[in-house]
Amino acid sequence: GFQALMPAVGYLLGVQFAERISAIDHWIAFILLALIGANMIREAVS
């Protein structure tokens, strides 16, 4: 339930800014996913 709710909330927040930063959105997606993934790996090996 929460895993479904949170991206919906993030999406609603993100659409407010999507037009303003569409030129760099791919970099934002890359950085966010890379940071989240790296943090998961860090926690696993800590």
ModelCIF file with pLDDT and N, C-alpha, C, O atoms, coordinates in Angstrom:
data_MODEL
#
_entry.id   MODEL 
#
_entity.id                         1 
_entity.type                       polymer 
_entity.pdbx_number_of_molecules   1 
#
_entity_poly.entity_id                      1 
_entity_poly.type                           'polypeptide(L)' 
_entity_poly.nstd_linkage                   no 
_entity_poly.nstd_monomer                   no 
_entity_poly.pdbx_seq_one_letter_code       GFQALMPAVGYLLGVQFAERISAIDHWIAFILLALIGANMIREAVS 
_entity_poly.pdbx_seq_one_letter_code_can   GFQALMPAVGYLLGVQFAERISAIDHWIAFILLALIGANMIREAVS 
_entity_poly.pdbx_strand_id                 A 
#
loop_
_entity_poly_seq.entity_id 
_entity_poly_seq.num 
_entity_poly_seq.mon_id 
_entity_poly_seq.hetero 
1 1  GLY n 
1 2  PHE n 
1 3  GLN n 
1 4  ALA n 
1 5  LEU n 
1 6  MET n 
1 7  PRO n 
1 8  ALA n 
1 9  VAL n 
1 10 GLY n 
1 11 TYR n 
1 12 LEU n 
1 13 LEU n 
1 14 GLY n 
1 15 VAL n 
1 16 GLN n 
1 17 PHE n 
1 18 ALA n 
1 19 GLU n 
1 20 ARG n 
1 21 ILE n 
1 22 SER n 
1 23 ALA n 
1 24 ILE n 
1 25 ASP n 
1 26 HIS n 
1 27 TRP n 
1 28 ILE n 
1 29 ALA n 
1 30 PHE n 
1 31 ILE n 
1 32 LEU n 
1 33 LEU n 
1 34 ALA n 
1 35 LEU n 
1 36 ILE n 
1 37 GLY n 
1 38 ALA n 
1 39 ASN n 
1 40 MET n 
1 41 ILE n 
1 42 ARG n 
1 43 GLU n 
1 44 ALA n 
1 45 VAL n 
1 46 SER n 
#
_struct_asym.id          A 
_struct_asym.entity_id   1 
#
loop_
_ma_qa_metric.id 
_ma_qa_metric.mode 
_ma_qa_metric.name 
_ma_qa_metric.software_group_id 
_ma_qa_metric.type 
1 global pLDDT . pLDDT 
2 local  pLDDT . pLDDT 
#
_ma_qa_metric_global.metric_id      1 
_ma_qa_metric_global.metric_value   84.24 
_ma_qa_metric_global.model_id       1 
_ma_qa_metric_global.ordinal_id     1 
#
loop_
_ma_qa_metric_local.label_asym_id 
_ma_qa_metric_local.label_comp_id 
_ma_qa_metric_local.label_seq_id 
_ma_qa_metric_local.metric_id 
_ma_qa_metric_local.metric_value 
_ma_qa_metric_local.model_id 
_ma_qa_metric_local.ordinal_id 
A GLY 1  2 97.00 1 1  
A PHE 2  2 97.00 1 2  
A GLN 3  2 97.00 1 3  
A ALA 4  2 97.00 1 4  
A LEU 5  2 97.00 1 5  
A MET 6  2 95.00 1 6  
A PRO 7  2 96.00 1 7  
A ALA 8  2 97.00 1 8  
A VAL 9  2 95.00 1 9  
A GLY 10 2 93.00 1 10 
A TYR 11 2 94.00 1 11 
A LEU 12 2 94.00 1 12 
A LEU 13 2 90.00 1 13 
A GLY 14 2 89.00 1 14 
A VAL 15 2 87.00 1 15 
A GLN 16 2 86.00 1 16 
A PHE 17 2 79.00 1 17 
A ALA 18 2 70.00 1 18 
A GLU 19 2 72.00 1 19 
A ARG 20 2 76.00 1 20 
A ILE 21 2 72.00 1 21 
A SER 22 2 69.00 1 22 
A ALA 23 2 75.00 1 23 
A ILE 24 2 79.00 1 24 
A ASP 25 2 71.00 1 25 
A HIS 26 2 77.00 1 26 
A TRP 27 2 85.00 1 27 
A ILE 28 2 79.00 1 28 
A ALA 29 2 76.00 1 29 
A PHE 30 2 83.00 1 30 
A ILE 31 2 87.00 1 31 
A LEU 32 2 79.00 1 32 
A LEU 33 2 78.00 1 33 
A ALA 34 2 85.00 1 34 
A LEU 35 2 85.00 1 35 
A ILE 36 2 78.00 1 36 
A GLY 37 2 78.00 1 37 
A ALA 38 2 87.00 1 38 
A ASN 39 2 81.00 1 39 
A MET 40 2 75.00 1 40 
A ILE 41 2 85.00 1 41 
A ARG 42 2 87.00 1 42 
A GLU 43 2 79.00 1 43 
A ALA 44 2 78.00 1 44 
A VAL 45 2 85.00 1 45 
A SER 46 2 84.00 1 46 
#
loop_
_atom_site.group_PDB 
_atom_site.id 
_atom_site.type_symbol 
_atom_site.label_atom_id 
_atom_site.label_alt_id 
_atom_site.label_comp_id 
_atom_site.label_asym_id 
_atom_site.label_entity_id 
_atom_site.label_seq_id 
_atom_site.pdbx_PDB_ins_code 
_atom_site.Cartn_x 
_atom_site.Cartn_y 
_atom_site.Cartn_z 
_atom_site.occupancy 
_atom_site.B_iso_or_equiv 
_atom_site.pdbx_formal_charge 
_atom_site.auth_seq_id 
_atom_site.auth_comp_id 
_atom_site.auth_asym_id 
_atom_site.auth_atom_id 
_atom_site.pdbx_PDB_model_num 
ATOM 1   N N  . GLY A 1 1  ? 0.815  -1.216 0.000   1.00 97.00 ? 1  GLY A N  1 
ATOM 2   C CA . GLY A 1 1  ? 0.000  0.000  0.000   1.00 97.00 ? 1  GLY A CA 1 
ATOM 3   C C  . GLY A 1 1  ? 0.845  1.261  0.000   1.00 97.00 ? 1  GLY A C  1 
ATOM 4   O O  . GLY A 1 1  ? 0.606  2.175  -0.789  1.00 97.00 ? 1  GLY A O  1 
ATOM 5   N N  . PHE A 1 2  ? 1.828  1.312  0.879   1.00 97.00 ? 2  PHE A N  1 
ATOM 6   C CA . PHE A 1 2  ? 2.679  2.498  0.933   1.00 97.00 ? 2  PHE A CA 1 
ATOM 7   C C  . PHE A 1 2  ? 3.582  2.595  -0.288  1.00 97.00 ? 2  PHE A C  1 
ATOM 8   O O  . PHE A 1 2  ? 3.882  3.693  -0.758  1.00 97.00 ? 2  PHE A O  1 
ATOM 9   N N  . GLN A 1 3  ? 4.017  1.448  -0.802  1.00 97.00 ? 3  GLN A N  1 
ATOM 10  C CA . GLN A 1 3  ? 4.873  1.466  -1.988  1.00 97.00 ? 3  GLN A CA 1 
ATOM 11  C C  . GLN A 1 3  ? 4.091  1.962  -3.209  1.00 97.00 ? 3  GLN A C  1 
ATOM 12  O O  . GLN A 1 3  ? 4.690  2.486  -4.149  1.00 97.00 ? 3  GLN A O  1 
ATOM 13  N N  . ALA A 1 4  ? 2.783  1.808  -3.207  1.00 97.00 ? 4  ALA A N  1 
ATOM 14  C CA . ALA A 1 4  ? 1.936  2.351  -4.281  1.00 97.00 ? 4  ALA A CA 1 
ATOM 15  C C  . ALA A 1 4  ? 1.588  3.820  -4.016  1.00 97.00 ? 4  ALA A C  1 
ATOM 16  O O  . ALA A 1 4  ? 1.537  4.627  -4.944  1.00 97.00 ? 4  ALA A O  1 
ATOM 17  N N  . LEU A 1 5  ? 1.350  4.157  -2.758  1.00 97.00 ? 5  LEU A N  1 
ATOM 18  C CA . LEU A 1 5  ? 0.961  5.525  -2.394  1.00 97.00 ? 5  LEU A CA 1 
ATOM 19  C C  . LEU A 1 5  ? 2.087  6.533  -2.622  1.00 97.00 ? 5  LEU A C  1 
ATOM 20  O O  . LEU A 1 5  ? 1.852  7.615  -3.159  1.00 97.00 ? 5  LEU A O  1 
ATOM 21  N N  . MET A 1 6  ? 3.288  6.187  -2.222  1.00 95.00 ? 6  MET A N  1 
ATOM 22  C CA . MET A 1 6  ? 4.391  7.146  -2.267  1.00 95.00 ? 6  MET A CA 1 
ATOM 23  C C  . MET A 1 6  ? 4.747  7.610  -3.689  1.00 95.00 ? 6  MET A C  1 
ATOM 24  O O  . MET A 1 6  ? 4.957  8.808  -3.882  1.00 95.00 ? 6  MET A O  1 
ATOM 25  N N  . PRO A 1 7  ? 4.824  6.721  -4.697  1.00 96.00 ? 7  PRO A N  1 
ATOM 26  C CA . PRO A 1 7  ? 5.111  7.256  -6.028  1.00 96.00 ? 7  PRO A CA 1 
ATOM 27  C C  . PRO A 1 7  ? 3.960  8.110  -6.573  1.00 96.00 ? 7  PRO A C  1 
ATOM 28  O O  . PRO A 1 7  ? 4.183  9.017  -7.375  1.00 96.00 ? 7  PRO A O  1 
ATOM 29  N N  . ALA A 1 8  ? 2.735  7.817  -6.137  1.00 97.00 ? 8  ALA A N  1 
ATOM 30  C CA . ALA A 1 8  ? 1.610  8.656  -6.562  1.00 97.00 ? 8  ALA A CA 1 
ATOM 31  C C  . ALA A 1 8  ? 1.768  10.063 -5.991  1.00 97.00 ? 8  ALA A C  1 
ATOM 32  O O  . ALA A 1 8  ? 1.540  11.049 -6.691  1.00 97.00 ? 8  ALA A O  1 
ATOM 33  N N  . VAL A 1 9  ? 2.156  10.155 -4.731  1.00 95.00 ? 9  VAL A N  1 
ATOM 34  C CA . VAL A 1 9  ? 2.397  11.464 -4.106  1.00 95.00 ? 9  VAL A CA 1 
ATOM 35  C C  . VAL A 1 9  ? 3.567  12.163 -4.792  1.00 95.00 ? 9  VAL A C  1 
ATOM 36  O O  . VAL A 1 9  ? 3.490  13.353 -5.098  1.00 95.00 ? 9  VAL A O  1 
ATOM 37  N N  . GLY A 1 10 ? 4.654  11.420 -5.034  1.00 93.00 ? 10 GLY A N  1 
ATOM 38  C CA . GLY A 1 10 ? 5.808  11.987 -5.729  1.00 93.00 ? 10 GLY A CA 1 
ATOM 39  C C  . GLY A 1 10 ? 5.453  12.485 -7.113  1.00 93.00 ? 10 GLY A C  1 
ATOM 40  O O  . GLY A 1 10 ? 5.932  13.533 -7.546  1.00 93.00 ? 10 GLY A O  1 
ATOM 41  N N  . TYR A 1 11 ? 4.617  11.736 -7.808  1.00 94.00 ? 11 TYR A N  1 
ATOM 42  C CA . TYR A 1 11 ? 4.172  12.124 -9.148  1.00 94.00 ? 11 TYR A CA 1 
ATOM 43  C C  . TYR A 1 11 ? 3.400  13.440 -9.093  1.00 94.00 ? 11 TYR A C  1 
ATOM 44  O O  . TYR A 1 11 ? 3.629  14.339 -9.902  1.00 94.00 ? 11 TYR A O  1 
ATOM 45  N N  . LEU A 1 12 ? 2.488  13.542 -8.135  1.00 94.00 ? 12 LEU A N  1 
ATOM 46  C CA . LEU A 1 12 ? 1.698  14.772 -8.002  1.00 94.00 ? 12 LEU A CA 1 
ATOM 47  C C  . LEU A 1 12 ? 2.586  15.974 -7.694  1.00 94.00 ? 12 LEU A C  1 
ATOM 48  O O  . LEU A 1 12 ? 2.332  17.079 -8.171  1.00 94.00 ? 12 LEU A O  1 
ATOM 49  N N  . LEU A 1 13 ? 3.619  15.754 -6.900  1.00 90.00 ? 13 LEU A N  1 
ATOM 50  C CA . LEU A 1 13 ? 4.570  16.833 -6.629  1.00 90.00 ? 13 LEU A CA 1 
ATOM 51  C C  . LEU A 1 13 ? 5.401  17.144 -7.872  1.00 90.00 ? 13 LEU A C  1 
ATOM 52  O O  . LEU A 1 13 ? 5.647  18.306 -8.193  1.00 90.00 ? 13 LEU A O  1 
ATOM 53  N N  . GLY A 1 14 ? 5.826  16.097 -8.558  1.00 89.00 ? 14 GLY A N  1 
ATOM 54  C CA . GLY A 1 14 ? 6.693  16.257 -9.724  1.00 89.00 ? 14 GLY A CA 1 
ATOM 55  C C  . GLY A 1 14 ? 6.040  16.951 -10.898 1.00 89.00 ? 14 GLY A C  1 
ATOM 56  O O  . GLY A 1 14 ? 6.698  17.711 -11.609 1.00 89.00 ? 14 GLY A O  1 
ATOM 57  N N  . VAL A 1 15 ? 4.744  16.702 -11.118 1.00 87.00 ? 15 VAL A N  1 
ATOM 58  C CA . VAL A 1 15 ? 4.091  17.341 -12.273 1.00 87.00 ? 15 VAL A CA 1 
ATOM 59  C C  . VAL A 1 15 ? 4.035  18.857 -12.116 1.00 87.00 ? 15 VAL A C  1 
ATOM 60  O O  . VAL A 1 15 ? 3.884  19.582 -13.100 1.00 87.00 ? 15 VAL A O  1 
ATOM 61  N N  . GLN A 1 16 ? 4.154  19.328 -10.896 1.00 86.00 ? 16 GLN A N  1 
ATOM 62  C CA . GLN A 1 16 ? 4.172  20.774 -10.668 1.00 86.00 ? 16 GLN A CA 1 
ATOM 63  C C  . GLN A 1 16 ? 5.432  21.420 -11.244 1.00 86.00 ? 16 GLN A C  1 
ATOM 64  O O  . GLN A 1 16 ? 5.439  22.603 -11.581 1.00 86.00 ? 16 GLN A O  1 
ATOM 65  N N  . PHE A 1 17 ? 6.510  20.613 -11.353 1.00 79.00 ? 17 PHE A N  1 
ATOM 66  C CA . PHE A 1 17 ? 7.796  21.147 -11.784 1.00 79.00 ? 17 PHE A CA 1 
ATOM 67  C C  . PHE A 1 17 ? 8.274  20.587 -13.121 1.00 79.00 ? 17 PHE A C  1 
ATOM 68  O O  . PHE A 1 17 ? 9.275  21.061 -13.657 1.00 79.00 ? 17 PHE A O  1 
ATOM 69  N N  . ALA A 1 18 ? 7.589  19.603 -13.663 1.00 70.00 ? 18 ALA A N  1 
ATOM 70  C CA . ALA A 1 18 ? 8.076  18.882 -14.843 1.00 70.00 ? 18 ALA A CA 1 
ATOM 71  C C  . ALA A 1 18 ? 8.334  19.797 -16.038 1.00 70.00 ? 18 ALA A C  1 
ATOM 72  O O  . ALA A 1 18 ? 9.353  19.654 -16.713 1.00 70.00 ? 18 ALA A O  1 
ATOM 73  N N  . GLU A 1 19 ? 7.436  20.721 -16.306 1.00 72.00 ? 19 GLU A N  1 
ATOM 74  C CA . GLU A 1 19 ? 7.610  21.606 -17.462 1.00 72.00 ? 19 GLU A CA 1 
ATOM 75  C C  . GLU A 1 19 ? 8.817  22.519 -17.302 1.00 72.00 ? 19 GLU A C  1 
ATOM 76  O O  . GLU A 1 19 ? 9.500  22.831 -18.278 1.00 72.00 ? 19 GLU A O  1 
ATOM 77  N N  . ARG A 1 20 ? 9.077  22.944 -16.084 1.00 76.00 ? 20 ARG A N  1 
ATOM 78  C CA . ARG A 1 20 ? 10.157 23.892 -15.839 1.00 76.00 ? 20 ARG A CA 1 
ATOM 79  C C  . ARG A 1 20 ? 11.543 23.273 -16.003 1.00 76.00 ? 20 ARG A C  1 
ATOM 80  O O  . ARG A 1 20 ? 12.508 23.978 -16.301 1.00 76.00 ? 20 ARG A O  1 
ATOM 81  N N  . ILE A 1 21 ? 11.644 21.973 -15.813 1.00 72.00 ? 21 ILE A N  1 
ATOM 82  C CA . ILE A 1 21 ? 12.971 21.348 -15.850 1.00 72.00 ? 21 ILE A CA 1 
ATOM 83  C C  . ILE A 1 21 ? 13.054 20.200 -16.850 1.00 72.00 ? 21 ILE A C  1 
ATOM 84  O O  . ILE A 1 21 ? 13.876 19.297 -16.694 1.00 72.00 ? 21 ILE A O  1 
ATOM 85  N N  . SER A 1 22 ? 12.215 20.231 -17.865 1.00 69.00 ? 22 SER A N  1 
ATOM 86  C CA . SER A 1 22 ? 12.188 19.130 -18.836 1.00 69.00 ? 22 SER A CA 1 
ATOM 87  C C  . SER A 1 22 ? 13.510 18.954 -19.574 1.00 69.00 ? 22 SER A C  1 
ATOM 88  O O  . SER A 1 22 ? 13.798 17.857 -20.053 1.00 69.00 ? 22 SER A O  1 
ATOM 89  N N  . ALA A 1 23 ? 14.308 19.990 -19.677 1.00 75.00 ? 23 ALA A N  1 
ATOM 90  C CA . ALA A 1 23 ? 15.590 19.875 -20.390 1.00 75.00 ? 23 ALA A CA 1 
ATOM 91  C C  . ALA A 1 23 ? 16.602 19.015 -19.637 1.00 75.00 ? 23 ALA A C  1 
ATOM 92  O O  . ALA A 1 23 ? 17.523 18.463 -20.239 1.00 75.00 ? 23 ALA A O  1 
ATOM 93  N N  . ILE A 1 24 ? 16.430 18.904 -18.318 1.00 79.00 ? 24 ILE A N  1 
ATOM 94  C CA . ILE A 1 24 ? 17.380 18.112 -17.526 1.00 79.00 ? 24 ILE A CA 1 
ATOM 95  C C  . ILE A 1 24 ? 16.706 16.959 -16.779 1.00 79.00 ? 24 ILE A C  1 
ATOM 96  O O  . ILE A 1 24 ? 17.312 16.358 -15.891 1.00 79.00 ? 24 ILE A O  1 
ATOM 97  N N  . ASP A 1 25 ? 15.455 16.648 -17.134 1.00 71.00 ? 25 ASP A N  1 
ATOM 98  C CA . ASP A 1 25 ? 14.722 15.629 -16.394 1.00 71.00 ? 25 ASP A CA 1 
ATOM 99  C C  . ASP A 1 25 ? 15.409 14.262 -16.403 1.00 71.00 ? 25 ASP A C  1 
ATOM 100 O O  . ASP A 1 25 ? 15.358 13.534 -15.412 1.00 71.00 ? 25 ASP A O  1 
ATOM 101 N N  . HIS A 1 26 ? 16.044 13.918 -17.511 1.00 77.00 ? 26 HIS A N  1 
ATOM 102 C CA . HIS A 1 26 ? 16.734 12.623 -17.598 1.00 77.00 ? 26 HIS A CA 1 
ATOM 103 C C  . HIS A 1 26 ? 17.899 12.557 -16.624 1.00 77.00 ? 26 HIS A C  1 
ATOM 104 O O  . HIS A 1 26 ? 18.179 11.502 -16.056 1.00 77.00 ? 26 HIS A O  1 
ATOM 105 N N  . TRP A 1 27 ? 18.580 13.682 -16.428 1.00 85.00 ? 27 TRP A N  1 
ATOM 106 C CA . TRP A 1 27 ? 19.676 13.716 -15.459 1.00 85.00 ? 27 TRP A CA 1 
ATOM 107 C C  . TRP A 1 27 ? 19.133 13.594 -14.036 1.00 85.00 ? 27 TRP A C  1 
ATOM 108 O O  . TRP A 1 27 ? 19.733 12.922 -13.197 1.00 85.00 ? 27 TRP A O  1 
ATOM 109 N N  . ILE A 1 28 ? 18.010 14.235 -13.767 1.00 79.00 ? 28 ILE A N  1 
ATOM 110 C CA . ILE A 1 28 ? 17.403 14.137 -12.439 1.00 79.00 ? 28 ILE A CA 1 
ATOM 111 C C  . ILE A 1 28 ? 16.983 12.695 -12.163 1.00 79.00 ? 28 ILE A C  1 
ATOM 112 O O  . ILE A 1 28 ? 17.235 12.166 -11.081 1.00 79.00 ? 28 ILE A O  1 
ATOM 113 N N  . ALA A 1 29 ? 16.340 12.060 -13.149 1.00 76.00 ? 29 ALA A N  1 
ATOM 114 C CA . ALA A 1 29 ? 15.928 10.660 -12.983 1.00 76.00 ? 29 ALA A CA 1 
ATOM 115 C C  . ALA A 1 29 ? 17.143 9.776  -12.727 1.00 76.00 ? 29 ALA A C  1 
ATOM 116 O O  . ALA A 1 29 ? 17.126 8.929  -11.834 1.00 76.00 ? 29 ALA A O  1 
ATOM 117 N N  . PHE A 1 30 ? 18.185 9.973  -13.507 1.00 83.00 ? 30 PHE A N  1 
ATOM 118 C CA . PHE A 1 30 ? 19.409 9.188  -13.338 1.00 83.00 ? 30 PHE A CA 1 
ATOM 119 C C  . PHE A 1 30 ? 20.000 9.388  -11.942 1.00 83.00 ? 30 PHE A C  1 
ATOM 120 O O  . PHE A 1 30 ? 20.323 8.415  -11.259 1.00 83.00 ? 30 PHE A O  1 
ATOM 121 N N  . ILE A 1 31 ? 20.141 10.644 -11.519 1.00 87.00 ? 31 ILE A N  1 
ATOM 122 C CA . ILE A 1 31 ? 20.754 10.931 -10.216 1.00 87.00 ? 31 ILE A CA 1 
ATOM 123 C C  . ILE A 1 31 ? 19.917 10.366 -9.075  1.00 87.00 ? 31 ILE A C  1 
ATOM 124 O O  . ILE A 1 31 ? 20.459 9.750  -8.158  1.00 87.00 ? 31 ILE A O  1 
ATOM 125 N N  . LEU A 1 32 ? 18.593 10.570 -9.121  1.00 79.00 ? 32 LEU A N  1 
ATOM 126 C CA . LEU A 1 32 ? 17.732 10.050 -8.048  1.00 79.00 ? 32 LEU A CA 1 
ATOM 127 C C  . LEU A 1 32 ? 17.808 8.528  -7.961  1.00 79.00 ? 32 LEU A C  1 
ATOM 128 O O  . LEU A 1 32 ? 17.983 7.977  -6.874  1.00 79.00 ? 32 LEU A O  1 
ATOM 129 N N  . LEU A 1 33 ? 17.679 7.849  -9.093  1.00 78.00 ? 33 LEU A N  1 
ATOM 130 C CA . LEU A 1 33 ? 17.719 6.383  -9.077  1.00 78.00 ? 33 LEU A CA 1 
ATOM 131 C C  . LEU A 1 33 ? 19.096 5.871  -8.661  1.00 78.00 ? 33 LEU A C  1 
ATOM 132 O O  . LEU A 1 33 ? 19.198 4.888  -7.928  1.00 78.00 ? 33 LEU A O  1 
ATOM 133 N N  . ALA A 1 34 ? 20.150 6.533  -9.126  1.00 85.00 ? 34 ALA A N  1 
ATOM 134 C CA . ALA A 1 34 ? 21.503 6.112  -8.747  1.00 85.00 ? 34 ALA A CA 1 
ATOM 135 C C  . ALA A 1 34 ? 21.739 6.309  -7.252  1.00 85.00 ? 34 ALA A C  1 
ATOM 136 O O  . ALA A 1 34 ? 22.325 5.443  -6.602  1.00 85.00 ? 34 ALA A O  1 
ATOM 137 N N  . LEU A 1 35 ? 21.293 7.430  -6.702  1.00 85.00 ? 35 LEU A N  1 
ATOM 138 C CA . LEU A 1 35 ? 21.463 7.673  -5.261  1.00 85.00 ? 35 LEU A CA 1 
ATOM 139 C C  . LEU A 1 35 ? 20.661 6.690  -4.418  1.00 85.00 ? 35 LEU A C  1 
ATOM 140 O O  . LEU A 1 35 ? 21.155 6.173  -3.416  1.00 85.00 ? 35 LEU A O  1 
ATOM 141 N N  . ILE A 1 36 ? 19.421 6.437  -4.829  1.00 78.00 ? 36 ILE A N  1 
ATOM 142 C CA . ILE A 1 36 ? 18.594 5.481  -4.092  1.00 78.00 ? 36 ILE A CA 1 
ATOM 143 C C  . ILE A 1 36 ? 19.230 4.093  -4.142  1.00 78.00 ? 36 ILE A C  1 
ATOM 144 O O  . ILE A 1 36 ? 19.334 3.414  -3.120  1.00 78.00 ? 36 ILE A O  1 
ATOM 145 N N  . GLY A 1 37 ? 19.651 3.679  -5.328  1.00 78.00 ? 37 GLY A N  1 
ATOM 146 C CA . GLY A 1 37 ? 20.277 2.367  -5.483  1.00 78.00 ? 37 GLY A CA 1 
ATOM 147 C C  . GLY A 1 37 ? 21.562 2.253  -4.695  1.00 78.00 ? 37 GLY A C  1 
ATOM 148 O O  . GLY A 1 37 ? 21.794 1.246  -4.026  1.00 78.00 ? 37 GLY A O  1 
ATOM 149 N N  . ALA A 1 38 ? 22.410 3.284  -4.765  1.00 87.00 ? 38 ALA A N  1 
ATOM 150 C CA . ALA A 1 38 ? 23.676 3.272  -4.018  1.00 87.00 ? 38 ALA A CA 1 
ATOM 151 C C  . ALA A 1 38 ? 23.421 3.212  -2.521  1.00 87.00 ? 38 ALA A C  1 
ATOM 152 O O  . ALA A 1 38 ? 24.135 2.517  -1.798  1.00 87.00 ? 38 ALA A O  1 
ATOM 153 N N  . ASN A 1 39 ? 22.413 3.932  -2.049  1.00 81.00 ? 39 ASN A N  1 
ATOM 154 C CA . ASN A 1 39 ? 22.083 3.890  -0.622  1.00 81.00 ? 39 ASN A CA 1 
ATOM 155 C C  . ASN A 1 39 ? 21.623 2.499  -0.203  1.00 81.00 ? 39 ASN A C  1 
ATOM 156 O O  . ASN A 1 39 ? 21.987 2.022  0.872   1.00 81.00 ? 39 ASN A O  1 
ATOM 157 N N  . MET A 1 40 ? 20.828 1.847  -1.043  1.00 75.00 ? 40 MET A N  1 
ATOM 158 C CA . MET A 1 40 ? 20.390 0.480  -0.726  1.00 75.00 ? 40 MET A CA 1 
ATOM 159 C C  . MET A 1 40 ? 21.594 -0.457 -0.632  1.00 75.00 ? 40 MET A C  1 
ATOM 160 O O  . MET A 1 40 ? 21.676 -1.284 0.276   1.00 75.00 ? 40 MET A O  1 
ATOM 161 N N  . ILE A 1 41 ? 22.518 -0.323 -1.568  1.00 85.00 ? 41 ILE A N  1 
ATOM 162 C CA . ILE A 1 41 ? 23.713 -1.174 -1.550  1.00 85.00 ? 41 ILE A CA 1 
ATOM 163 C C  . ILE A 1 41 ? 24.559 -0.864 -0.317  1.00 85.00 ? 41 ILE A C  1 
ATOM 164 O O  . ILE A 1 41 ? 25.048 -1.781 0.342   1.00 85.00 ? 41 ILE A O  1 
ATOM 165 N N  . ARG A 1 42 ? 24.736 0.410  -0.002  1.00 87.00 ? 42 ARG A N  1 
ATOM 166 C CA . ARG A 1 42 ? 25.514 0.821  1.176   1.00 87.00 ? 42 ARG A CA 1 
ATOM 167 C C  . ARG A 1 42 ? 24.924 0.228  2.449   1.00 87.00 ? 42 ARG A C  1 
ATOM 168 O O  . ARG A 1 42 ? 25.654 -0.296 3.290   1.00 87.00 ? 42 ARG A O  1 
ATOM 169 N N  . GLU A 1 43 ? 23.611 0.309  2.589   1.00 79.00 ? 43 GLU A N  1 
ATOM 170 C CA . GLU A 1 43 ? 22.967 -0.255 3.777   1.00 79.00 ? 43 GLU A CA 1 
ATOM 171 C C  . GLU A 1 43 ? 23.154 -1.767 3.854   1.00 79.00 ? 43 GLU A C  1 
ATOM 172 O O  . GLU A 1 43 ? 23.327 -2.324 4.938   1.00 79.00 ? 43 GLU A O  1 
ATOM 173 N N  . ALA A 1 44 ? 23.120 -2.425 2.701   1.00 78.00 ? 44 ALA A N  1 
ATOM 174 C CA . ALA A 1 44 ? 23.256 -3.879 2.680   1.00 78.00 ? 44 ALA A CA 1 
ATOM 175 C C  . ALA A 1 44 ? 24.655 -4.325 3.084   1.00 78.00 ? 44 ALA A C  1 
ATOM 176 O O  . ALA A 1 44 ? 24.804 -5.332 3.776   1.00 78.00 ? 44 ALA A O  1 
ATOM 177 N N  . VAL A 1 45 ? 25.681 -3.592 2.662   1.00 85.00 ? 45 VAL A N  1 
ATOM 178 C CA . VAL A 1 45 ? 27.051 -4.008 2.948   1.00 85.00 ? 45 VAL A CA 1 
ATOM 179 C C  . VAL A 1 45 ? 27.609 -3.397 4.227   1.00 85.00 ? 45 VAL A C  1 
ATOM 180 O O  . VAL A 1 45 ? 28.719 -3.740 4.635   1.00 85.00 ? 45 VAL A O  1 
ATOM 181 N N  . SER A 1 46 ? 26.864 -2.499 4.866   1.00 84.00 ? 46 SER A N  1 
ATOM 182 C CA . SER A 1 46 ? 27.362 -1.827 6.071   1.00 84.00 ? 46 SER A CA 1 
ATOM 183 C C  . SER A 1 46 ? 27.449 -2.771 7.265   1.00 84.00 ? 46 SER A C  1 
ATOM 184 O O  . SER A 1 46 ? 27.850 -2.355 8.352   1.00 84.00 ? 46 SER A O  1 
#
